[in-house]
């Protein structure tokens, strides 16, 4: 088990199964690991707003103050939202 406070950044591994995503995790102190999240749904909060996001829709997060990854695309940067002092990349908006 990893505490969220110990996570510097976490991103979905592109090689993982979309229905059972594997995440690459960087911890404070520089340790890195890969694994699946126990939760099936994540509750993300920003101020008074909250969202319940299925884990297969969760792409990435980084702790406030952590340097951005070089491979972040413009589209990901446009979809970035601050959630409880964290930065979370949300999936692109879908048209109706």
N, C-alpha and C. Protein backbone atom coordinates (compact mmCIF):
# COMPACT_ATOMS: atom_id res chain seq x y z
N UNK A 1 0.84 -1.18 0.00
CA UNK A 1 0.00 0.00 0.00
C UNK A 1 0.89 1.25 0.00
N UNK A 2 0.53 2.21 -0.82
CA UNK A 2 1.27 3.46 -0.94
C UNK A 2 0.36 4.60 -0.49
N UNK A 3 0.88 5.49 0.35
CA UNK A 3 0.11 6.66 0.79
C UNK A 3 0.16 7.72 -0.30
N UNK A 4 -0.96 8.36 -0.57
CA UNK A 4 -1.03 9.40 -1.59
C UNK A 4 -0.04 10.52 -1.30
N UNK A 5 0.19 10.83 -0.03
CA UNK A 5 1.13 11.90 0.33
C UNK A 5 2.55 11.58 -0.11
N UNK A 6 2.88 10.30 -0.33
CA UNK A 6 4.22 9.90 -0.75
C UNK A 6 4.40 9.92 -2.27
N UNK A 7 3.32 10.13 -3.01
CA UNK A 7 3.36 10.07 -4.47
C UNK A 7 3.71 11.45 -5.04
N UNK A 8 4.74 11.50 -5.88
CA UNK A 8 5.10 12.73 -6.58
C UNK A 8 4.30 12.83 -7.87
N UNK A 9 4.26 11.72 -8.61
CA UNK A 9 3.46 11.68 -9.84
C UNK A 9 3.06 10.24 -10.12
N UNK A 10 1.97 10.12 -10.86
CA UNK A 10 1.46 8.81 -11.24
C UNK A 10 0.82 8.95 -12.61
N UNK A 11 1.11 8.02 -13.51
CA UNK A 11 0.53 8.06 -14.85
C UNK A 11 0.23 6.67 -15.36
N UNK A 12 -0.81 6.58 -16.15
CA UNK A 12 -1.18 5.28 -16.71
C UNK A 12 -0.11 4.79 -17.68
N UNK A 13 0.26 3.54 -17.55
CA UNK A 13 1.21 2.90 -18.45
C UNK A 13 0.49 2.65 -19.77
N UNK A 14 1.04 3.14 -20.87
CA UNK A 14 0.40 3.03 -22.18
C UNK A 14 0.24 1.58 -22.64
N UNK A 15 1.03 0.67 -22.09
CA UNK A 15 0.98 -0.73 -22.50
C UNK A 15 -0.07 -1.54 -21.73
N UNK A 16 -0.73 -0.93 -20.75
CA UNK A 16 -1.67 -1.67 -19.90
C UNK A 16 -3.04 -1.82 -20.56
N UNK A 17 -3.79 -2.78 -20.07
CA UNK A 17 -5.16 -3.04 -20.53
C UNK A 17 -6.06 -1.89 -20.06
N UNK A 18 -6.81 -1.25 -20.95
CA UNK A 18 -7.67 -0.13 -20.56
C UNK A 18 -8.70 -0.49 -19.47
N UNK A 19 -9.12 -1.76 -19.41
CA UNK A 19 -10.09 -2.17 -18.40
C UNK A 19 -9.44 -2.50 -17.06
N UNK A 20 -8.14 -2.72 -17.05
CA UNK A 20 -7.38 -3.00 -15.83
C UNK A 20 -6.06 -2.23 -15.92
N UNK A 21 -6.12 -0.89 -15.85
CA UNK A 21 -4.93 -0.09 -16.08
C UNK A 21 -3.85 -0.29 -15.02
N UNK A 22 -2.61 -0.22 -15.48
CA UNK A 22 -1.43 -0.27 -14.62
C UNK A 22 -0.85 1.14 -14.62
N UNK A 23 -0.43 1.62 -13.45
CA UNK A 23 0.11 2.96 -13.32
C UNK A 23 1.58 2.92 -12.94
N UNK A 24 2.38 3.82 -13.54
CA UNK A 24 3.77 4.02 -13.16
C UNK A 24 3.76 5.12 -12.12
N UNK A 25 4.37 4.86 -10.97
CA UNK A 25 4.30 5.77 -9.82
C UNK A 25 5.70 6.17 -9.40
N UNK A 26 5.90 7.48 -9.21
CA UNK A 26 7.16 8.00 -8.68
C UNK A 26 6.91 8.50 -7.28
N UNK A 27 7.72 8.04 -6.33
CA UNK A 27 7.56 8.41 -4.93
C UNK A 27 8.57 9.46 -4.53
N UNK A 28 8.28 10.18 -3.44
CA UNK A 28 9.26 11.11 -2.88
C UNK A 28 10.50 10.30 -2.54
N UNK A 29 11.66 10.82 -2.82
CA UNK A 29 12.89 10.08 -2.59
C UNK A 29 13.39 9.41 -3.86
N UNK A 30 12.57 9.44 -4.94
CA UNK A 30 13.01 8.93 -6.23
C UNK A 30 12.66 7.50 -6.55
N UNK A 31 12.12 6.73 -5.59
CA UNK A 31 11.73 5.35 -5.90
C UNK A 31 10.61 5.34 -6.92
N UNK A 32 10.61 4.32 -7.80
CA UNK A 32 9.57 4.18 -8.82
C UNK A 32 9.02 2.77 -8.75
N UNK A 33 7.73 2.65 -9.02
CA UNK A 33 7.09 1.34 -9.04
C UNK A 33 5.93 1.38 -10.02
N UNK A 34 5.41 0.21 -10.34
CA UNK A 34 4.25 0.10 -11.22
C UNK A 34 3.24 -0.81 -10.54
N UNK A 35 1.96 -0.53 -10.77
CA UNK A 35 0.94 -1.38 -10.17
C UNK A 35 -0.45 -0.89 -10.50
N UNK A 36 -1.42 -1.67 -10.03
CA UNK A 36 -2.83 -1.35 -10.24
C UNK A 36 -3.38 -0.70 -8.97
N UNK A 37 -4.40 0.12 -9.12
CA UNK A 37 -5.07 0.74 -7.99
C UNK A 37 -6.10 -0.22 -7.42
N UNK A 38 -6.23 -0.26 -6.10
CA UNK A 38 -7.23 -1.12 -5.48
C UNK A 38 -8.65 -0.62 -5.73
N UNK A 39 -8.80 0.70 -5.75
CA UNK A 39 -10.11 1.30 -5.92
C UNK A 39 -10.61 1.13 -7.34
N UNK A 40 -11.90 0.96 -7.50
CA UNK A 40 -12.50 0.91 -8.84
C UNK A 40 -13.01 2.28 -9.26
N UNK A 41 -13.32 3.12 -8.28
CA UNK A 41 -13.79 4.48 -8.53
C UNK A 41 -13.01 5.41 -7.62
N UNK A 42 -12.49 6.51 -8.17
CA UNK A 42 -11.75 7.50 -7.40
C UNK A 42 -12.64 8.71 -7.16
N UNK A 43 -12.59 9.26 -5.95
CA UNK A 43 -13.32 10.49 -5.67
C UNK A 43 -12.32 11.64 -5.72
N UNK A 44 -12.51 12.53 -6.68
CA UNK A 44 -11.63 13.68 -6.87
C UNK A 44 -12.36 14.91 -6.37
N UNK A 45 -11.66 15.76 -5.61
CA UNK A 45 -12.28 16.95 -5.05
C UNK A 45 -11.46 18.19 -5.38
N UNK A 46 -12.16 19.28 -5.63
CA UNK A 46 -11.54 20.59 -5.84
C UNK A 46 -12.47 21.62 -5.23
N UNK A 47 -12.04 22.22 -4.14
CA UNK A 47 -12.91 23.15 -3.44
C UNK A 47 -14.15 22.43 -2.96
N UNK A 48 -15.31 22.93 -3.35
CA UNK A 48 -16.57 22.30 -2.95
C UNK A 48 -17.10 21.32 -3.98
N UNK A 49 -16.39 21.16 -5.09
CA UNK A 49 -16.84 20.25 -6.15
C UNK A 49 -16.17 18.89 -5.98
N UNK A 50 -16.87 17.84 -6.35
CA UNK A 50 -16.28 16.51 -6.32
C UNK A 50 -16.82 15.70 -7.49
N UNK A 51 -16.01 14.75 -7.92
CA UNK A 51 -16.36 13.88 -9.03
C UNK A 51 -16.01 12.45 -8.65
N UNK A 52 -16.82 11.51 -9.08
CA UNK A 52 -16.51 10.09 -8.93
C UNK A 52 -16.08 9.61 -10.32
N UNK A 53 -14.82 9.20 -10.42
CA UNK A 53 -14.23 8.85 -11.71
C UNK A 53 -13.84 7.38 -11.71
N UNK A 54 -14.38 6.58 -12.64
CA UNK A 54 -13.94 5.18 -12.75
C UNK A 54 -12.44 5.13 -13.01
N UNK A 55 -11.74 4.21 -12.35
CA UNK A 55 -10.29 4.15 -12.45
C UNK A 55 -9.82 4.01 -13.90
N UNK A 56 -10.61 3.36 -14.76
CA UNK A 56 -10.17 3.22 -16.16
C UNK A 56 -10.22 4.55 -16.93
N UNK A 57 -10.83 5.59 -16.36
CA UNK A 57 -10.84 6.92 -16.98
C UNK A 57 -9.76 7.83 -16.41
N UNK A 58 -9.13 7.41 -15.33
CA UNK A 58 -8.10 8.20 -14.66
C UNK A 58 -6.79 8.05 -15.41
N UNK A 59 -6.21 9.18 -15.85
CA UNK A 59 -4.98 9.12 -16.65
C UNK A 59 -3.73 9.39 -15.83
N UNK A 60 -3.69 10.49 -15.09
CA UNK A 60 -2.45 10.85 -14.41
C UNK A 60 -2.70 11.90 -13.34
N UNK A 61 -1.73 12.03 -12.43
CA UNK A 61 -1.74 13.09 -11.44
C UNK A 61 -0.30 13.40 -11.06
N UNK A 62 -0.10 14.61 -10.55
CA UNK A 62 1.20 14.97 -10.00
C UNK A 62 0.96 15.85 -8.79
N UNK A 63 1.83 15.73 -7.81
CA UNK A 63 1.72 16.54 -6.61
C UNK A 63 1.96 18.00 -6.94
N UNK A 64 1.34 18.88 -6.20
CA UNK A 64 1.55 20.31 -6.38
C UNK A 64 3.04 20.61 -6.20
N UNK A 65 3.61 21.33 -7.12
CA UNK A 65 5.02 21.68 -7.07
C UNK A 65 5.94 20.69 -7.76
N UNK A 66 5.42 19.52 -8.14
CA UNK A 66 6.26 18.55 -8.86
C UNK A 66 6.47 19.05 -10.28
N UNK A 67 7.69 18.88 -10.83
CA UNK A 67 7.91 19.33 -12.21
C UNK A 67 7.04 18.54 -13.19
N UNK A 68 6.62 19.22 -14.25
CA UNK A 68 5.82 18.56 -15.27
C UNK A 68 6.66 17.57 -16.06
N UNK A 69 6.01 16.52 -16.55
CA UNK A 69 6.69 15.56 -17.40
C UNK A 69 6.90 16.16 -18.77
N UNK A 70 8.02 15.87 -19.39
CA UNK A 70 8.33 16.41 -20.71
C UNK A 70 7.39 15.90 -21.78
N UNK A 71 6.89 14.66 -21.62
CA UNK A 71 6.06 14.09 -22.67
C UNK A 71 4.59 14.53 -22.61
N UNK A 72 4.22 15.42 -21.70
CA UNK A 72 2.85 15.91 -21.65
C UNK A 72 2.53 16.66 -22.94
N UNK A 73 1.38 16.35 -23.51
CA UNK A 73 1.00 16.99 -24.76
C UNK A 73 0.22 18.26 -24.49
N UNK A 74 0.05 19.09 -25.51
CA UNK A 74 -0.74 20.31 -25.37
C UNK A 74 -2.15 19.98 -24.94
N UNK A 75 -2.74 18.92 -25.53
CA UNK A 75 -4.11 18.55 -25.20
C UNK A 75 -4.21 18.18 -23.72
N UNK A 76 -3.23 17.44 -23.17
CA UNK A 76 -3.26 17.08 -21.77
C UNK A 76 -3.17 18.34 -20.91
N UNK A 77 -2.31 19.29 -21.28
CA UNK A 77 -2.17 20.52 -20.51
C UNK A 77 -3.46 21.33 -20.51
N UNK A 78 -4.22 21.31 -21.60
CA UNK A 78 -5.49 22.03 -21.67
C UNK A 78 -6.53 21.39 -20.77
N UNK A 79 -6.41 20.07 -20.49
CA UNK A 79 -7.39 19.35 -19.70
C UNK A 79 -6.96 19.20 -18.25
N UNK A 80 -5.93 19.93 -17.81
CA UNK A 80 -5.41 19.77 -16.46
C UNK A 80 -6.27 20.54 -15.47
N UNK A 81 -6.61 19.91 -14.37
CA UNK A 81 -7.39 20.53 -13.31
C UNK A 81 -6.70 20.31 -11.98
N UNK A 82 -6.83 21.26 -11.07
CA UNK A 82 -6.27 21.10 -9.74
C UNK A 82 -7.28 20.39 -8.87
N UNK A 83 -6.86 19.33 -8.21
CA UNK A 83 -7.76 18.55 -7.36
C UNK A 83 -7.08 18.35 -6.02
N UNK A 84 -7.62 18.94 -4.96
CA UNK A 84 -7.10 18.78 -3.60
C UNK A 84 -5.58 18.97 -3.54
N UNK A 85 -5.07 20.05 -4.15
CA UNK A 85 -3.65 20.31 -4.12
C UNK A 85 -2.85 19.42 -5.06
N UNK A 86 -3.51 18.70 -5.92
CA UNK A 86 -2.86 17.81 -6.87
C UNK A 86 -3.24 18.28 -8.26
N UNK A 87 -2.51 17.82 -9.24
CA UNK A 87 -2.84 18.10 -10.62
C UNK A 87 -3.28 16.80 -11.27
N UNK A 88 -4.42 16.78 -11.87
CA UNK A 88 -4.97 15.57 -12.47
C UNK A 88 -5.28 15.87 -13.93
N UNK A 89 -4.84 15.01 -14.83
CA UNK A 89 -5.15 15.17 -16.24
C UNK A 89 -6.44 14.40 -16.51
N UNK A 90 -7.46 15.12 -16.94
CA UNK A 90 -8.75 14.51 -17.23
C UNK A 90 -8.83 14.10 -18.69
N UNK A 91 -9.62 13.08 -19.01
CA UNK A 91 -9.78 12.70 -20.42
C UNK A 91 -10.33 13.88 -21.23
N UNK A 92 -10.01 13.95 -22.53
CA UNK A 92 -10.56 15.02 -23.37
C UNK A 92 -12.08 15.03 -23.33
N UNK A 93 -12.65 16.24 -23.43
CA UNK A 93 -14.11 16.35 -23.41
C UNK A 93 -14.70 15.68 -24.64
N UNK A 94 -15.78 14.94 -24.43
CA UNK A 94 -16.46 14.23 -25.51
C UNK A 94 -17.62 15.10 -26.01
N UNK A 95 -17.83 15.13 -27.31
CA UNK A 95 -18.97 15.85 -27.89
C UNK A 95 -20.23 15.08 -27.69
N UNK A 96 -21.38 15.76 -27.61
CA UNK A 96 -22.67 15.08 -27.45
C UNK A 96 -23.26 14.70 -28.75
